[in-house]
Amino acid sequence: MQILKTKAGFDEALASNSGLVVVDFSADWCGPCRVIKPTLETMEKKYPNVAFFMVNVDENSETAEKCDIQGLPTFKFYKNGTEVDTLVGASESFLEDKIKRNQ
């Protein structure tokens, strides 16, 4: 999963993917973020038509602030550069449901 280290990188990721984009906003110190990471890697393989990215909120605070991240982990779902859904928390079933619904 590609890590978006800058706001420009985030903007480019959204602009260059017309299909569903899932962005995982997390932090190294966040326990639930670490727990769900293997699930994300599995889903990245299971849904090859979905683009998965990660933003470390401590290293890319500009993007986290722009996206109004209030809790971790937060997953934001985008299509054609527009946010279409959000999930706060590390629920595997809710995450997969939102991926399926928003494809």
PDB file of N, CA and C in Angstrom:
ATOM      1  N   MET A   1       0.850  -1.173   0.000  1.00  0.00           N
ATOM      2  CA  MET A   1       0.000   0.000   0.000  1.00  0.00           C
ATOM      3  C   MET A   1       0.895   1.235   0.000  1.00  0.00           C
ATOM      4  N   GLN A   2       0.621   2.121  -0.937  1.00  0.00           N
ATOM      5  CA  GLN A   2       1.435   3.320  -1.067  1.00  0.00           C
ATOM      6  C   GLN A   2       1.099   4.311   0.045  1.00  0.00           C
ATOM      7  N   ILE A   3       2.141   4.884   0.641  1.00  0.00           N
ATOM      8  CA  ILE A   3       1.979   5.893   1.682  1.00  0.00           C
ATOM      9  C   ILE A   3       2.055   7.267   1.028  1.00  0.00           C
ATOM     10  N   LEU A   4       1.057   8.092   1.293  1.00  0.00           N
ATOM     11  CA  LEU A   4       1.011   9.447   0.747  1.00  0.00           C
ATOM     12  C   LEU A   4       1.636  10.382   1.772  1.00  0.00           C
ATOM     13  N   LYS A   5       2.826  10.881   1.461  1.00  0.00           N
ATOM     14  CA  LYS A   5       3.605  11.648   2.441  1.00  0.00           C
ATOM     15  C   LYS A   5       3.370  13.149   2.387  1.00  0.00           C
ATOM     16  N   THR A   6       2.690  13.620   1.334  1.00  0.00           N
ATOM     17  CA  THR A   6       2.450  15.059   1.198  1.00  0.00           C
ATOM     18  C   THR A   6       1.027  15.303   0.723  1.00  0.00           C
ATOM     19  N   LYS A   7       0.569  16.520   0.892  1.00  0.00           N
ATOM     20  CA  LYS A   7      -0.745  16.915   0.393  1.00  0.00           C
ATOM     21  C   LYS A   7      -0.765  16.827  -1.132  1.00  0.00           C
ATOM     22  N   ALA A   8       0.340  17.202  -1.782  1.00  0.00           N
ATOM     23  CA  ALA A   8       0.428  17.106  -3.247  1.00  0.00           C
ATOM     24  C   ALA A   8       0.317  15.649  -3.690  1.00  0.00           C
ATOM     25  N   GLY A   9       0.940  14.734  -2.960  1.00  0.00           N
ATOM     26  CA  GLY A   9       0.841  13.311  -3.273  1.00  0.00           C
ATOM     27  C   GLY A   9      -0.579  12.795  -3.114  1.00  0.00           C
ATOM     28  N   PHE A  10      -1.255  13.267  -2.086  1.00  0.00           N
ATOM     29  CA  PHE A  10      -2.661  12.907  -1.860  1.00  0.00           C
ATOM     30  C   PHE A  10      -3.526  13.399  -3.019  1.00  0.00           C
ATOM     31  N   ASP A  11      -3.335  14.663  -3.386  1.00  0.00           N
ATOM     32  CA  ASP A  11      -4.113  15.232  -4.494  1.00  0.00           C
ATOM     33  C   ASP A  11      -3.864  14.472  -5.790  1.00  0.00           C
ATOM     34  N   GLU A  12      -2.630  14.095  -6.044  1.00  0.00           N
ATOM     35  CA  GLU A  12      -2.275  13.357  -7.260  1.00  0.00           C
ATOM     36  C   GLU A  12      -2.915  11.968  -7.246  1.00  0.00           C
ATOM     37  N   ALA A  13      -2.916  11.301  -6.099  1.00  0.00           N
ATOM     38  CA  ALA A  13      -3.529   9.970  -5.989  1.00  0.00           C
ATOM     39  C   ALA A  13      -5.017  10.033  -6.331  1.00  0.00           C
ATOM     40  N   LEU A  14      -5.697  11.059  -5.845  1.00  0.00           N
ATOM     41  CA  LEU A  14      -7.124  11.193  -6.144  1.00  0.00           C
ATOM     42  C   LEU A  14      -7.340  11.537  -7.612  1.00  0.00           C
ATOM     43  N   ALA A  15      -6.506  12.398  -8.162  1.00  0.00           N
ATOM     44  CA  ALA A  15      -6.674  12.840  -9.545  1.00  0.00           C
ATOM     45  C   ALA A  15      -6.369  11.738 -10.553  1.00  0.00           C
ATOM     46  N   SER A  16      -5.465  10.832 -10.199  1.00  0.00           N
ATOM     47  CA  SER A  16      -5.022   9.826 -11.168  1.00  0.00           C
ATOM     48  C   SER A  16      -5.799   8.514 -11.086  1.00  0.00           C
ATOM     49  N   ASN A  17      -6.779   8.436 -10.206  1.00  0.00           N
ATOM     50  CA  ASN A  17      -7.588   7.219 -10.064  1.00  0.00           C
ATOM     51  C   ASN A  17      -9.061   7.575 -10.199  1.00  0.00           C
ATOM     52  N   SER A  18      -9.685   7.117 -11.297  1.00  0.00           N
ATOM     53  CA  SER A  18     -11.097   7.447 -11.509  1.00  0.00           C
ATOM     54  C   SER A  18     -12.032   6.484 -10.788  1.00  0.00           C
ATOM     55  N   GLY A  19     -11.528   5.297 -10.454  1.00  0.00           N
ATOM     56  CA  GLY A  19     -12.349   4.327  -9.728  1.00  0.00           C
ATOM     57  C   GLY A  19     -12.332   4.613  -8.238  1.00  0.00           C
ATOM     58  N   LEU A  20     -12.724   3.636  -7.447  1.00  0.00           N
ATOM     59  CA  LEU A  20     -12.768   3.808  -5.999  1.00  0.00           C
ATOM     60  C   LEU A  20     -11.360   3.900  -5.426  1.00  0.00           C
ATOM     61  N   VAL A  21     -11.168   4.909  -4.571  1.00  0.00           N
ATOM     62  CA  VAL A  21      -9.917   5.104  -3.840  1.00  0.00           C
ATOM     63  C   VAL A  21     -10.240   5.020  -2.360  1.00  0.00           C
ATOM     64  N   VAL A  22      -9.498   4.178  -1.636  1.00  0.00           N
ATOM     65  CA  VAL A  22      -9.654   4.053  -0.189  1.00  0.00           C
ATOM     66  C   VAL A  22      -8.389   4.610   0.451  1.00  0.00           C
ATOM     67  N   VAL A  23      -8.560   5.598   1.325  1.00  0.00           N
ATOM     68  CA  VAL A  23      -7.419   6.193   2.020  1.00  0.00           C
ATOM     69  C   VAL A  23      -7.551   5.880   3.512  1.00  0.00           C
ATOM     70  N   ASP A  24      -6.530   5.218   4.039  1.00  0.00           N
ATOM     71  CA  ASP A  24      -6.456   4.862   5.453  1.00  0.00           C
ATOM     72  C   ASP A  24      -5.662   5.944   6.169  1.00  0.00           C
ATOM     73  N   PHE A  25      -6.328   6.712   7.031  1.00  0.00           N
ATOM     74  CA  PHE A  25      -5.656   7.707   7.860  1.00  0.00           C
ATOM     75  C   PHE A  25      -5.349   7.043   9.192  1.00  0.00           C
ATOM     76  N   SER A  26      -4.057   6.923   9.512  1.00  0.00           N
ATOM     77  CA  SER A  26      -3.668   6.205  10.717  1.00  0.00           C
ATOM     78  C   SER A  26      -2.393   6.801  11.289  1.00  0.00           C
ATOM     79  N   ALA A  27      -1.898   6.182  12.369  1.00  0.00           N
ATOM     80  CA  ALA A  27      -0.661   6.617  13.010  1.00  0.00           C
ATOM     81  C   ALA A  27       0.048   5.389  13.573  1.00  0.00           C
ATOM     82  N   ASP A  28       1.365   5.484  13.686  1.00  0.00           N
ATOM     83  CA  ASP A  28       2.160   4.361  14.192  1.00  0.00           C
ATOM     84  C   ASP A  28       1.778   3.976  15.618  1.00  0.00           C
ATOM     85  N   TRP A  29       1.395   4.944  16.429  1.00  0.00           N
ATOM     86  CA  TRP A  29       1.083   4.695  17.839  1.00  0.00           C
ATOM     87  C   TRP A  29      -0.338   4.162  18.056  1.00  0.00           C
ATOM     88  N   CYS A  30      -1.142   4.110  17.015  1.00  0.00           N
ATOM     89  CA  CYS A  30      -2.556   3.720  17.110  1.00  0.00           C
ATOM     90  C   CYS A  30      -2.693   2.191  17.056  1.00  0.00           C
ATOM     91  N   GLY A  31      -3.114   1.595  18.166  1.00  0.00           N
ATOM     92  CA  GLY A  31      -3.278   0.142  18.232  1.00  0.00           C
ATOM     93  C   GLY A  31      -4.268  -0.411  17.214  1.00  0.00           C
ATOM     94  N   PRO A  32      -5.493   0.120  17.143  1.00  0.00           N
ATOM     95  CA  PRO A  32      -6.452  -0.380  16.148  1.00  0.00           C
ATOM     96  C   PRO A  32      -5.948  -0.231  14.711  1.00  0.00           C
ATOM     97  N   CYS A  33      -5.158   0.813  14.448  1.00  0.00           N
ATOM     98  CA  CYS A  33      -4.588   1.008  13.104  1.00  0.00           C
ATOM     99  C   CYS A  33      -3.657  -0.155  12.753  1.00  0.00           C
ATOM    100  N   ARG A  34      -2.845  -0.558  13.734  1.00  0.00           N
ATOM    101  CA  ARG A  34      -1.913  -1.676  13.504  1.00  0.00           C
ATOM    102  C   ARG A  34      -2.674  -2.985  13.331  1.00  0.00           C
ATOM    103  N   VAL A  35      -3.775  -3.146  14.070  1.00  0.00           N
ATOM    104  CA  VAL A  35      -4.549  -4.387  14.007  1.00  0.00           C
ATOM    105  C   VAL A  35      -5.204  -4.557  12.639  1.00  0.00           C
ATOM    106  N   ILE A  36      -5.703  -3.489  12.055  1.00  0.00           N
ATOM    107  CA  ILE A  36      -6.439  -3.615  10.786  1.00  0.00           C
ATOM    108  C   ILE A  36      -5.521  -3.605   9.563  1.00  0.00           C
ATOM    109  N   LYS A  37      -4.257  -3.270   9.735  1.00  0.00           N
ATOM    110  CA  LYS A  37      -3.344  -3.180   8.590  1.00  0.00           C
ATOM    111  C   LYS A  37      -3.278  -4.481   7.773  1.00  0.00           C
ATOM    112  N   PRO A  38      -3.143  -5.676   8.390  1.00  0.00           N
ATOM    113  CA  PRO A  38      -3.126  -6.908   7.583  1.00  0.00           C
ATOM    114  C   PRO A  38      -4.424  -7.119   6.796  1.00  0.00           C
ATOM    115  N   THR A  39      -5.552  -6.697   7.346  1.00  0.00           N
ATOM    116  CA  THR A  39      -6.834  -6.790   6.643  1.00  0.00           C
ATOM    117  C   THR A  39      -6.821  -5.912   5.401  1.00  0.00           C
ATOM    118  N   LEU A  40      -6.278  -4.714   5.528  1.00  0.00           N
ATOM    119  CA  LEU A  40      -6.170  -3.813   4.375  1.00  0.00           C
ATOM    120  C   LEU A  40      -5.307  -4.423   3.279  1.00  0.00           C
ATOM    121  N   GLU A  41      -4.203  -5.043   3.674  1.00  0.00           N
ATOM    122  CA  GLU A  41      -3.322  -5.673   2.689  1.00  0.00           C
ATOM    123  C   GLU A  41      -4.041  -6.810   1.974  1.00  0.00           C
ATOM    124  N   THR A  42      -4.865  -7.562   2.694  1.00  0.00           N
ATOM    125  CA  THR A  42      -5.654  -8.636   2.092  1.00  0.00           C
ATOM    126  C   THR A  42      -6.695  -8.056   1.141  1.00  0.00           C
ATOM    127  N   MET A  43      -7.364  -6.992   1.549  1.00  0.00           N
ATOM    128  CA  MET A  43      -8.391  -6.377   0.696  1.00  0.00           C
ATOM    129  C   MET A  43      -7.782  -5.746  -0.555  1.00  0.00           C
ATOM    130  N   GLU A  44      -6.566  -5.250  -0.438  1.00  0.00           N
ATOM    131  CA  GLU A  44      -5.886  -4.678  -1.597  1.00  0.00           C
ATOM    132  C   GLU A  44      -5.691  -5.746  -2.675  1.00  0.00           C
ATOM    133  N   LYS A  45      -5.420  -6.985  -2.252  1.00  0.00           N
ATOM    134  CA  LYS A  45      -5.271  -8.096  -3.200  1.00  0.00           C
ATOM    135  C   LYS A  45      -6.638  -8.588  -3.692  1.00  0.00           C
ATOM    136  N   LYS A  46      -7.625  -8.586  -2.795  1.00  0.00           N
ATOM    137  CA  LYS A  46      -8.961  -9.091  -3.126  1.00  0.00           C
ATOM    138  C   LYS A  46      -9.704  -8.160  -4.096  1.00  0.00           C
ATOM    139  N   TYR A  47      -9.430  -6.858  -4.009  1.00  0.00           N
ATOM    140  CA  TYR A  47     -10.110  -5.860  -4.848  1.00  0.00           C
ATOM    141  C   TYR A  47      -9.076  -5.106  -5.692  1.00  0.00           C
ATOM    142  N   PRO A  48      -8.566  -5.753  -6.747  1.00  0.00           N
ATOM    143  CA  PRO A  48      -7.500  -5.127  -7.543  1.00  0.00           C
ATOM    144  C   PRO A  48      -7.941  -3.874  -8.302  1.00  0.00           C
ATOM    145  N   ASN A  49      -9.246  -3.682  -8.453  1.00  0.00           N
ATOM    146  CA  ASN A  49      -9.749  -2.492  -9.151  1.00  0.00           C
ATOM    147  C   ASN A  49      -9.939  -1.301  -8.212  1.00  0.00           C
ATOM    148  N   VAL A  50      -9.609  -1.470  -6.939  1.00  0.00           N
ATOM    149  CA  VAL A  50      -9.701  -0.398  -5.942  1.00  0.00           C
ATOM    150  C   VAL A  50      -8.279   0.043  -5.595  1.00  0.00           C
ATOM    151  N   ALA A  51      -8.062   1.353  -5.542  1.00  0.00           N
ATOM    152  CA  ALA A  51      -6.748   1.893  -5.182  1.00  0.00           C
ATOM    153  C   ALA A  51      -6.717   2.172  -3.677  1.00  0.00           C
ATOM    154  N   PHE A  52      -5.749   1.583  -2.985  1.00  0.00           N
ATOM    155  CA  PHE A  52      -5.604   1.754  -1.543  1.00  0.00           C
ATOM    156  C   PHE A  52      -4.374   2.605  -1.248  1.00  0.00           C
ATOM    157  N   PHE A  53      -4.537   3.573  -0.354  1.00  0.00           N
ATOM    158  CA  PHE A  53      -3.436   4.438   0.059  1.00  0.00           C
ATOM    159  C   PHE A  53      -3.496   4.616   1.568  1.00  0.00           C
ATOM    160  N   MET A  54      -2.373   5.054   2.138  1.00  0.00           N
ATOM    161  CA  MET A  54      -2.308   5.330   3.565  1.00  0.00           C
ATOM    162  C   MET A  54      -1.741   6.723   3.788  1.00  0.00           C
ATOM    163  N   VAL A  55      -2.283   7.426   4.773  1.00  0.00           N
ATOM    164  CA  VAL A  55      -1.751   8.706   5.214  1.00  0.00           C
ATOM    165  C   VAL A  55      -1.438   8.573   6.701  1.00  0.00           C
ATOM    166  N   ASN A  56      -0.156   8.741   7.055  1.00  0.00           N
ATOM    167  CA  ASN A  56       0.245   8.778   8.457  1.00  0.00           C
ATOM    168  C   ASN A  56      -0.039  10.202   8.938  1.00  0.00           C
ATOM    169  N   VAL A  57      -0.984  10.349   9.855  1.00  0.00           N
ATOM    170  CA  VAL A  57      -1.427  11.683  10.257  1.00  0.00           C
ATOM    171  C   VAL A  57      -0.331  12.485  10.953  1.00  0.00           C
ATOM    172  N   ASP A  58       0.644  11.806  11.545  1.00  0.00           N
ATOM    173  CA  ASP A  58       1.751  12.507  12.197  1.00  0.00           C
ATOM    174  C   ASP A  58       2.763  13.022  11.179  1.00  0.00           C
ATOM    175  N   GLU A  59       2.918  12.312  10.077  1.00  0.00           N
ATOM    176  CA  GLU A  59       3.892  12.697   9.058  1.00  0.00           C
ATOM    177  C   GLU A  59       3.285  13.551   7.951  1.00  0.00           C
ATOM    178  N   ASN A  60       1.972  13.522   7.789  1.00  0.00           N
ATOM    179  CA  ASN A  60       1.296  14.296   6.752  1.00  0.00           C
ATOM    180  C   ASN A  60       0.089  14.994   7.392  1.00  0.00           C
ATOM    181  N   SER A  61       0.390  15.858   8.349  1.00  0.00           N
ATOM    182  CA  SER A  61      -0.677  16.521   9.097  1.00  0.00           C
ATOM    183  C   SER A  61      -1.480  17.484   8.220  1.00  0.00           C
ATOM    184  N   GLU A  62      -0.867  18.024   7.174  1.00  0.00           N
ATOM    185  CA  GLU A  62      -1.585  18.937   6.287  1.00  0.00           C
ATOM    186  C   GLU A  62      -2.789  18.233   5.648  1.00  0.00           C
ATOM    187  N   THR A  63      -2.566  17.020   5.145  1.00  0.00           N
ATOM    188  CA  THR A  63      -3.663  16.270   4.529  1.00  0.00           C
ATOM    189  C   THR A  63      -4.690  15.858   5.575  1.00  0.00           C
ATOM    190  N   ALA A  64      -4.229  15.410   6.736  1.00  0.00           N
ATOM    191  CA  ALA A  64      -5.150  15.011   7.805  1.00  0.00           C
ATOM    192  C   ALA A  64      -6.043  16.171   8.221  1.00  0.00           C
ATOM    193  N   GLU A  65      -5.470  17.375   8.313  1.00  0.00           N
ATOM    194  CA  GLU A  65      -6.264  18.544   8.681  1.00  0.00           C
ATOM    195  C   GLU A  65      -7.256  18.908   7.579  1.00  0.00           C
ATOM    196  N   LYS A  66      -6.808  18.844   6.316  1.00  0.00           N
ATOM    197  CA  LYS A  66      -7.683  19.172   5.189  1.00  0.00           C
ATOM    198  C   LYS A  66      -8.870  18.217   5.143  1.00  0.00           C
ATOM    199  N   CYS A  67      -8.639  16.958   5.503  1.00  0.00           N
ATOM    200  CA  CYS A  67      -9.689  15.939   5.451  1.00  0.00           C
ATOM    201  C   CYS A  67     -10.465  15.846   6.763  1.00  0.00           C
ATOM    202  N   ASP A  68     -10.163  16.737   7.709  1.00  0.00           N
ATOM    203  CA  ASP A  68     -10.881  16.827   8.980  1.00  0.00           C
ATOM    204  C   ASP A  68     -10.902  15.493   9.732  1.00  0.00           C
ATOM    205  N   ILE A  69      -9.726  14.893   9.886  1.00  0.00           N
ATOM    206  CA  ILE A  69      -9.614  13.619  10.590  1.00  0.00           C
ATOM    207  C   ILE A  69      -9.721  13.862  12.089  1.00  0.00           C
ATOM    208  N   GLN A  70     -10.715  13.237  12.714  1.00  0.00           N
ATOM    209  CA  GLN A  70     -10.983  13.427  14.137  1.00  0.00           C
ATOM    210  C   GLN A  70     -10.662  12.196  14.982  1.00  0.00           C
ATOM    211  N   GLY A  71     -10.647  11.007  14.365  1.00  0.00           N
ATOM    212  CA  GLY A  71     -10.382   9.768  15.092  1.00  0.00           C
ATOM    213  C   GLY A  71      -9.586   8.819  14.218  1.00  0.00           C
ATOM    214  N   LEU A  72      -8.939   7.850  14.857  1.00  0.00           N
ATOM    215  CA  LEU A  72      -8.117   6.888  14.116  1.00  0.00           C
ATOM    216  C   LEU A  72      -8.531   5.467  14.437  1.00  0.00           C
ATOM    217  N   PRO A  73      -8.445   4.589  13.454  1.00  0.00           N
ATOM    218  CA  PRO A  73      -8.233   4.915  12.043  1.00  0.00           C
ATOM    219  C   PRO A  73      -9.499   5.490  11.416  1.00  0.00           C
ATOM    220  N   THR A  74      -9.302   6.315  10.410  1.00  0.00           N
ATOM    221  CA  THR A  74     -10.407   6.810   9.593  1.00  0.00           C
ATOM    222  C   THR A  74     -10.135   6.385   8.161  1.00  0.00           C
ATOM    223  N   PHE A  75     -11.145   5.836   7.526  1.00  0.00           N
ATOM    224  CA  PHE A  75     -11.059   5.449   6.117  1.00  0.00           C
ATOM    225  C   PHE A  75     -11.960   6.375   5.325  1.00  0.00           C
ATOM    226  N   LYS A  76     -11.403   6.990   4.311  1.00  0.00           N
ATOM    227  CA  LYS A  76     -12.194   7.845   3.427  1.00  0.00           C
ATOM    228  C   LYS A  76     -12.222   7.194   2.059  1.00  0.00           C
ATOM    229  N   PHE A  77     -13.384   7.251   1.427  1.00  0.00           N
ATOM    230  CA  PHE A  77     -13.623   6.619   0.139  1.00  0.00           C
ATOM    231  C   PHE A  77     -13.899   7.718  -0.879  1.00  0.00           C
ATOM    232  N   TYR A  78     -13.183   7.666  -1.997  1.00  0.00           N
ATOM    233  CA  TYR A  78     -13.295   8.702  -3.030  1.00  0.00           C
ATOM    234  C   TYR A  78     -13.585   8.063  -4.380  1.00  0.00           C
ATOM    235  N   LYS A  79     -14.331   8.783  -5.192  1.00  0.00           N
ATOM    236  CA  LYS A  79     -14.559   8.413  -6.594  1.00  0.00           C
ATOM    237  C   LYS A  79     -14.439   9.680  -7.415  1.00  0.00           C
ATOM    238  N   ASN A  80     -13.629   9.611  -8.465  1.00  0.00           N
ATOM    239  CA  ASN A  80     -13.409  10.778  -9.323  1.00  0.00           C
ATOM    240  C   ASN A  80     -12.996  12.007  -8.515  1.00  0.00           C
ATOM    241  N   GLY A  81     -12.186  11.778  -7.480  1.00  0.00           N
ATOM    242  CA  GLY A  81     -11.668  12.867  -6.672  1.00  0.00           C
ATOM    243  C   GLY A  81     -12.618  13.423  -5.640  1.00  0.00           C
ATOM    244  N   THR A  82     -13.831  12.862  -5.550  1.00  0.00           N
ATOM    245  CA  THR A  82     -14.848  13.353  -4.620  1.00  0.00           C
ATOM    246  C   THR A  82     -15.079  12.333  -3.514  1.00  0.00           C
ATOM    247  N   GLU A  83     -15.130  12.801  -2.270  1.00  0.00           N
ATOM    248  CA  GLU A  83     -15.397  11.904  -1.147  1.00  0.00           C
ATOM    249  C   GLU A  83     -16.823  11.381  -1.237  1.00  0.00           C
ATOM    250  N   VAL A  84     -16.970  10.045  -1.145  1.00  0.00           N
ATOM    251  CA  VAL A  84     -18.294   9.426  -1.238  1.00  0.00           C
ATOM    252  C   VAL A  84     -18.712   8.705   0.039  1.00  0.00           C
ATOM    253  N   ASP A  85     -17.756   8.450   0.950  1.00  0.00           N
ATOM    254  CA  ASP A  85     -18.091   7.722   2.170  1.00  0.00           C
ATOM    255  C   ASP A  85     -16.946   7.854   3.165  1.00  0.00           C
ATOM    256  N   THR A  86     -17.242   7.566   4.442  1.00  0.00           N
ATOM    257  CA  THR A  86     -16.257   7.616   5.518  1.00  0.00           C
ATOM    258  C   THR A  86     -16.553   6.505   6.507  1.00  0.00           C
ATOM    259  N   LEU A  87     -15.497   5.964   7.093  1.00  0.00           N
ATOM    260  CA  LEU A  87     -15.629   4.994   8.179  1.00  0.00           C
ATOM    261  C   LEU A  87     -14.601   5.347   9.243  1.00  0.00           C
ATOM    262  N   VAL A  88     -15.058   5.531  10.475  1.00  0.00           N
ATOM    263  CA  VAL A  88     -14.149   5.756  11.593  1.00  0.00           C
ATOM    264  C   VAL A  88     -14.160   4.498  12.441  1.00  0.00           C
ATOM    265  N   GLY A  89     -12.973   3.931  12.669  1.00  0.00           N
ATOM    266  CA  GLY A  89     -12.864   2.714  13.468  1.00  0.00           C
ATOM    267  C   GLY A  89     -12.326   1.556  12.652  1.00  0.00           C
ATOM    268  N   ALA A  90     -11.903   0.523  13.353  1.00  0.00           N
ATOM    269  CA  ALA A  90     -11.224  -0.605  12.720  1.00  0.00           C
ATOM    270  C   ALA A  90     -12.138  -1.817  12.575  1.00  0.00           C
ATOM    271  N   SER A  91     -13.293  -1.625  11.967  1.00  0.00           N
ATOM    272  CA  SER A  91     -14.233  -2.723  11.751  1.00  0.00           C
ATOM    273  C   SER A  91     -14.003  -3.344  10.377  1.00  0.00           C
ATOM    274  N   GLU A  92     -13.513  -4.580  10.362  1.00  0.00           N
ATOM    275  CA  GLU A  92     -13.253  -5.272   9.089  1.00  0.00           C
ATOM    276  C   GLU A  92     -14.528  -5.422   8.269  1.00  0.00           C
ATOM    277  N   SER A  93     -15.620  -5.807   8.904  1.00  0.00           N
ATOM    278  CA  SER A  93     -16.857  -6.049   8.155  1.00  0.00           C
ATOM    279  C   SER A  93     -17.426  -4.753   7.589  1.00  0.00           C
ATOM    280  N   PHE A  94     -17.414  -3.661   8.364  1.00  0.00           N
ATOM    281  CA  PHE A  94     -17.902  -2.380   7.851  1.00  0.00           C
ATOM    282  C   PHE A  94     -17.019  -1.877   6.719  1.00  0.00           C
ATOM    283  N   LEU A  95     -15.714  -2.067   6.859  1.00  0.00           N
ATOM    284  CA  LEU A  95     -14.778  -1.625   5.826  1.00  0.00           C
ATOM    285  C   LEU A  95     -15.050  -2.345   4.513  1.00  0.00           C
ATOM    286  N   GLU A  96     -15.176  -3.658   4.571  1.00  0.00           N
ATOM    287  CA  GLU A  96     -15.422  -4.413   3.345  1.00  0.00           C
ATOM    288  C   GLU A  96     -16.795  -4.076   2.758  1.00  0.00           C
ATOM    289  N   ASP A  97     -17.776  -3.878   3.602  1.00  0.00           N
ATOM    290  CA  ASP A  97     -19.105  -3.497   3.127  1.00  0.00           C
ATOM    291  C   ASP A  97     -19.061  -2.169   2.379  1.00  0.00           C
ATOM    292  N   LYS A  98     -18.335  -1.206   2.892  1.00  0.00           N
ATOM    293  CA  LYS A  98     -18.239   0.097   2.232  1.00  0.00           C
ATOM    294  C   LYS A  98     -17.462  -0.003   0.909  1.00  0.00           C
ATOM    295  N   ILE A  99     -16.471  -0.859   0.866  1.00  0.00           N
ATOM    296  CA  ILE A  99     -15.743  -1.069  -0.393  1.00  0.00           C
ATOM    297  C   ILE A  99     -16.691  -1.645  -1.436  1.00  0.00           C
ATOM    298  N   LYS A 100     -17.438  -2.682  -1.050  1.00  0.00           N
ATOM    299  CA  LYS A 100     -18.374  -3.310  -1.988  1.00  0.00           C
ATOM    300  C   LYS A 100     -19.435  -2.326  -2.465  1.00  0.00           C
ATOM    301  N   ARG A 101     -19.991  -1.537  -1.543  1.00  0.00           N
ATOM    302  CA  ARG A 101     -21.064  -0.601  -1.885  1.00  0.00           C
ATOM    303  C   ARG A 101     -20.603   0.541  -2.770  1.00  0.00           C
ATOM    304  N   ASN A 102     -19.353   0.954  -2.611  1.00  0.00           N
ATOM    305  CA  ASN A 102     -18.883   2.146  -3.315  1.00  0.00           C
ATOM    306  C   ASN A 102     -18.102   1.856  -4.596  1.00  0.00           C
ATOM    307  N   GLN A 103     -17.905   0.589  -4.926  1.00  0.00           N
ATOM    308  CA  GLN A 103     -17.139   0.277  -6.141  1.00  0.00           C
ATOM    309  C   GLN A 103     -17.816   0.864  -7.307  1.00  0.00           C
TER     310      GLN A 103
END
